[in-house]
Amino acid sequence: NKVKASIEEALTENIFHLKTFADQVGLSLPHQIFVTLTQYGTGGSYELPNQVFINIRSNYGGPFNAFVHELVHLLVEKPVVKRHRLSHSAKEGLVDYLILNDPHLHQIIPQYPAQDGMHTPSYQQLNKWFPGYNLLQHNIAQ
């Protein structure tokens, strides 16, 4: 499958950036991620602990962009989203903010298509959720 091969190739090329991002925010990438490609549903979704679903018909900037978006969801779901009971808008806003502002994620998706109307986290929230990680110094998108 061409789509699966393109995701695997892009992952191999960008694994350093993904690992570095995860390390900087104090999280760990899953050792194994199961990816399901579909032609239905939203652009992508995820299921803890390590499943990602990608709609190959979505125009979300390509399957790998959707993969990175869902991977960031996987990383922050338990320690941030569930722990602090974030709303859907706040959860999507957090993922968008991280991809747009972290230099490693931004390197992977420089033209990331952020979603409209999502709640952007405050610096106080970011410092609470990711102690020691200073996005203020990395603020690329704003």
C-alpha atoms as a PDB file:
ATOM      1  CA  ASN A   1       0.000   0.000   0.000  1.00  0.00           C
ATOM      2  CA  LYS A   2       1.480   3.342  -1.116  1.00  0.00           C
ATOM      3  CA  VAL A   3      -0.088   5.363   1.712  1.00  0.00           C
ATOM      4  CA  LYS A   4       1.253   3.029   4.398  1.00  0.00           C
ATOM      5  CA  ALA A   5       4.710   3.085   2.803  1.00  0.00           C
ATOM      6  CA  SER A   6       4.686   6.898   2.647  1.00  0.00           C
ATOM      7  CA  ILE A   7       3.762   7.136   6.358  1.00  0.00           C
ATOM      8  CA  GLU A   8       6.504   4.662   7.309  1.00  0.00           C
ATOM      9  CA  GLU A   9       9.077   6.555   5.218  1.00  0.00           C
ATOM     10  CA  ALA A  10       8.092   9.932   6.688  1.00  0.00           C
ATOM     11  CA  LEU A  11       8.169   8.442  10.191  1.00  0.00           C
ATOM     12  CA  THR A  12      11.686   7.112   9.631  1.00  0.00           C
ATOM     13  CA  GLU A  13      12.795  10.536   8.360  1.00  0.00           C
ATOM     14  CA  ASN A  14      11.224  12.378  11.312  1.00  0.00           C
ATOM     15  CA  ILE A  15      11.609  10.031  14.268  1.00  0.00           C
ATOM     16  CA  PHE A  16      14.347  12.222  15.794  1.00  0.00           C
ATOM     17  CA  HIS A  17      12.006  15.221  15.884  1.00  0.00           C
ATOM     18  CA  LEU A  18       9.152  13.181  17.372  1.00  0.00           C
ATOM     19  CA  LYS A  19      11.362  11.629  20.064  1.00  0.00           C
ATOM     20  CA  THR A  20      12.945  14.983  20.914  1.00  0.00           C
ATOM     21  CA  PHE A  21       9.533  16.630  21.258  1.00  0.00           C
ATOM     22  CA  ALA A  22       8.270  13.812  23.482  1.00  0.00           C
ATOM     23  CA  ASP A  23      11.402  13.949  25.652  1.00  0.00           C
ATOM     24  CA  GLN A  24      11.160  17.728  26.053  1.00  0.00           C
ATOM     25  CA  VAL A  25       7.574  17.582  27.302  1.00  0.00           C
ATOM     26  CA  GLY A  26       8.375  14.651  29.613  1.00  0.00           C
ATOM     27  CA  LEU A  27       6.412  12.030  27.669  1.00  0.00           C
ATOM     28  CA  SER A  28       7.380   8.803  25.919  1.00  0.00           C
ATOM     29  CA  LEU A  29       6.525   7.629  22.453  1.00  0.00           C
ATOM     30  CA  PRO A  30       4.803   4.236  22.439  1.00  0.00           C
ATOM     31  CA  HIS A  31       7.226   1.440  21.507  1.00  0.00           C
ATOM     32  CA  GLN A  32       4.768   0.294  18.887  1.00  0.00           C
ATOM     33  CA  ILE A  33       1.968   2.186  17.137  1.00  0.00           C
ATOM     34  CA  PHE A  34      -0.777   0.408  15.243  1.00  0.00           C
ATOM     35  CA  VAL A  35      -2.022   2.427  12.269  1.00  0.00           C
ATOM     36  CA  THR A  36      -5.322   1.647  10.585  1.00  0.00           C
ATOM     37  CA  LEU A  37      -6.032   3.271   7.237  1.00  0.00           C
ATOM     38  CA  THR A  38      -9.649   3.876   6.359  1.00  0.00           C
ATOM     39  CA  GLN A  39     -11.712   5.697   3.757  1.00  0.00           C
ATOM     40  CA  TYR A  40     -14.385   6.798   6.221  1.00  0.00           C
ATOM     41  CA  GLY A  41     -14.856   9.082   9.194  1.00  0.00           C
ATOM     42  CA  THR A  42     -12.947  12.131  10.339  1.00  0.00           C
ATOM     43  CA  GLY A  43      -9.417  12.949   9.180  1.00  0.00           C
ATOM     44  CA  GLY A  44      -8.058  10.763  11.943  1.00  0.00           C
ATOM     45  CA  SER A  45      -8.617   9.466  15.424  1.00  0.00           C
ATOM     46  CA  TYR A  46      -6.765   7.580  18.126  1.00  0.00           C
ATOM     47  CA  GLU A  47      -7.310   5.068  20.863  1.00  0.00           C
ATOM     48  CA  LEU A  48      -5.112   4.600  23.905  1.00  0.00           C
ATOM     49  CA  PRO A  49      -2.584   3.235  24.365  1.00  0.00           C
ATOM     50  CA  ASN A  50      -1.176   3.041  20.827  1.00  0.00           C
ATOM     51  CA  GLN A  51      -3.702   3.028  17.987  1.00  0.00           C
ATOM     52  CA  VAL A  52      -4.066   5.639  15.253  1.00  0.00           C
ATOM     53  CA  PHE A  53      -6.769   5.668  12.577  1.00  0.00           C
ATOM     54  CA  ILE A  54      -6.250   7.750   9.432  1.00  0.00           C
ATOM     55  CA  ASN A  55      -8.801   8.544   6.755  1.00  0.00           C
ATOM     56  CA  ILE A  56      -6.792   8.420   3.519  1.00  0.00           C
ATOM     57  CA  ARG A  57      -9.455  10.511   1.756  1.00  0.00           C
ATOM     58  CA  SER A  58      -9.131  13.378   4.200  1.00  0.00           C
ATOM     59  CA  ASN A  59      -7.582  16.592   2.981  1.00  0.00           C
ATOM     60  CA  TYR A  60      -5.820  17.273   6.272  1.00  0.00           C
ATOM     61  CA  GLY A  61      -2.477  17.985   4.636  1.00  0.00           C
ATOM     62  CA  GLY A  62      -1.798  14.316   3.897  1.00  0.00           C
ATOM     63  CA  PRO A  63      -1.799  11.059   5.826  1.00  0.00           C
ATOM     64  CA  PHE A  64       1.467  11.734   7.658  1.00  0.00           C
ATOM     65  CA  ASN A  65       0.210  15.096   8.929  1.00  0.00           C
ATOM     66  CA  ALA A  66      -2.875  13.305  10.260  1.00  0.00           C
ATOM     67  CA  PHE A  67      -0.608  10.657  11.819  1.00  0.00           C
ATOM     68  CA  VAL A  68       1.483  13.288  13.646  1.00  0.00           C
ATOM     69  CA  HIS A  69      -1.665  15.070  14.852  1.00  0.00           C
ATOM     70  CA  GLU A  70      -3.105  11.817  16.242  1.00  0.00           C
ATOM     71  CA  LEU A  71       0.254  10.808  17.742  1.00  0.00           C
ATOM     72  CA  VAL A  72       0.386  14.081  19.685  1.00  0.00           C
ATOM     73  CA  HIS A  73      -3.143  13.294  20.892  1.00  0.00           C
ATOM     74  CA  LEU A  74      -1.935   9.886  22.102  1.00  0.00           C
ATOM     75  CA  LEU A  75       0.941  11.489  23.981  1.00  0.00           C
ATOM     76  CA  VAL A  76      -1.109  14.118  25.813  1.00  0.00           C
ATOM     77  CA  GLU A  77      -4.394  12.223  26.336  1.00  0.00           C
ATOM     78  CA  LYS A  78      -3.720  10.552  29.687  1.00  0.00           C
ATOM     79  CA  PRO A  79      -1.302  12.975  31.425  1.00  0.00           C
ATOM     80  CA  VAL A  80      -3.015  16.193  30.330  1.00  0.00           C
ATOM     81  CA  VAL A  81      -6.435  15.783  28.698  1.00  0.00           C
ATOM     82  CA  LYS A  82      -7.913  13.220  31.090  1.00  0.00           C
ATOM     83  CA  ARG A  83      -6.047  14.422  34.173  1.00  0.00           C
ATOM     84  CA  HIS A  84      -7.182  18.022  33.728  1.00  0.00           C
ATOM     85  CA  ARG A  85     -10.541  17.182  32.111  1.00  0.00           C
ATOM     86  CA  LEU A  86     -10.002  19.261  28.985  1.00  0.00           C
ATOM     87  CA  SER A  87     -12.940  19.904  26.683  1.00  0.00           C
ATOM     88  CA  HIS A  88     -12.792  18.739  23.081  1.00  0.00           C
ATOM     89  CA  SER A  89     -12.011  22.283  21.920  1.00  0.00           C
ATOM     90  CA  ALA A  90      -9.236  22.648  24.503  1.00  0.00           C
ATOM     91  CA  LYS A  91      -7.782  19.249  23.571  1.00  0.00           C
ATOM     92  CA  GLU A  92      -7.698  20.097  19.855  1.00  0.00           C
ATOM     93  CA  GLY A  93      -6.358  23.563  20.644  1.00  0.00           C
ATOM     94  CA  LEU A  94      -3.530  22.060  22.688  1.00  0.00           C
ATOM     95  CA  VAL A  95      -2.523  19.668  19.903  1.00  0.00           C
ATOM     96  CA  ASP A  96      -2.673  22.448  17.308  1.00  0.00           C
ATOM     97  CA  TYR A  97      -0.666  24.775  19.554  1.00  0.00           C
ATOM     98  CA  LEU A  98       2.052  22.192  20.153  1.00  0.00           C
ATOM     99  CA  ILE A  99       2.407  21.350  16.461  1.00  0.00           C
ATOM    100  CA  LEU A 100       2.496  25.016  15.466  1.00  0.00           C
ATOM    101  CA  ASN A 101       4.883  26.151  18.204  1.00  0.00           C
ATOM    102  CA  ASP A 102       7.240  23.314  19.064  1.00  0.00           C
ATOM    103  CA  PRO A 103      10.285  23.619  16.778  1.00  0.00           C
ATOM    104  CA  HIS A 104      10.541  19.849  16.275  1.00  0.00           C
ATOM    105  CA  LEU A 105       6.894  19.362  15.380  1.00  0.00           C
ATOM    106  CA  HIS A 106       6.930  22.536  13.296  1.00  0.00           C
ATOM    107  CA  GLN A 107       9.918  21.117  11.396  1.00  0.00           C
ATOM    108  CA  ILE A 108       7.828  18.071  10.474  1.00  0.00           C
ATOM    109  CA  ILE A 109       4.701  20.024   9.464  1.00  0.00           C
ATOM    110  CA  PRO A 110       5.718  23.614   8.642  1.00  0.00           C
ATOM    111  CA  GLN A 111       2.390  24.308   6.909  1.00  0.00           C
ATOM    112  CA  TYR A 112       0.174  22.738   9.570  1.00  0.00           C
ATOM    113  CA  PRO A 113      -3.540  23.461   8.953  1.00  0.00           C
ATOM    114  CA  ALA A 114      -4.757  24.450  12.424  1.00  0.00           C
ATOM    115  CA  GLN A 115      -8.445  24.037  13.139  1.00  0.00           C
ATOM    116  CA  ASP A 116     -10.653  27.097  13.486  1.00  0.00           C
ATOM    117  CA  GLY A 117     -12.381  27.941  16.754  1.00  0.00           C
ATOM    118  CA  MET A 118     -10.276  25.794  19.081  1.00  0.00           C
ATOM    119  CA  HIS A 119      -9.283  26.941  22.568  1.00  0.00           C
ATOM    120  CA  THR A 120      -5.596  27.927  22.702  1.00  0.00           C
ATOM    121  CA  PRO A 121      -3.897  27.027  26.000  1.00  0.00           C
ATOM    122  CA  SER A 122      -2.480  29.809  28.146  1.00  0.00           C
ATOM    123  CA  TYR A 123       1.189  29.927  29.091  1.00  0.00           C
ATOM    124  CA  GLN A 124       0.168  29.205  32.684  1.00  0.00           C
ATOM    125  CA  GLN A 125      -1.619  26.033  31.579  1.00  0.00           C
ATOM    126  CA  LEU A 126       1.319  24.936  29.429  1.00  0.00           C
ATOM    127  CA  ASN A 127       3.753  25.463  32.305  1.00  0.00           C
ATOM    128  CA  LYS A 128       1.471  23.492  34.638  1.00  0.00           C
ATOM    129  CA  TRP A 129       0.983  20.602  32.192  1.00  0.00           C
ATOM    130  CA  PHE A 130       4.602  20.467  30.954  1.00  0.00           C
ATOM    131  CA  PRO A 131       6.861  21.670  33.792  1.00  0.00           C
ATOM    132  CA  GLY A 132      10.328  22.624  32.639  1.00  0.00           C
ATOM    133  CA  TYR A 133       9.305  22.890  28.993  1.00  0.00           C
ATOM    134  CA  ASN A 134       9.351  26.506  27.925  1.00  0.00           C
ATOM    135  CA  LEU A 135       7.334  27.102  24.769  1.00  0.00           C
ATOM    136  CA  LEU A 136       7.832  30.829  25.274  1.00  0.00           C
ATOM    137  CA  GLN A 137      11.321  30.545  23.825  1.00  0.00           C
ATOM    138  CA  HIS A 138      10.086  28.529  20.847  1.00  0.00           C
ATOM    139  CA  ASN A 139       7.081  30.635  19.885  1.00  0.00           C
ATOM    140  CA  ILE A 140       7.250  30.244  16.083  1.00  0.00           C
ATOM    141  CA  ALA A 141       3.663  30.651  14.954  1.00  0.00           C
ATOM    142  CA  GLN A 142       2.605  33.747  16.854  1.00  0.00           C
END
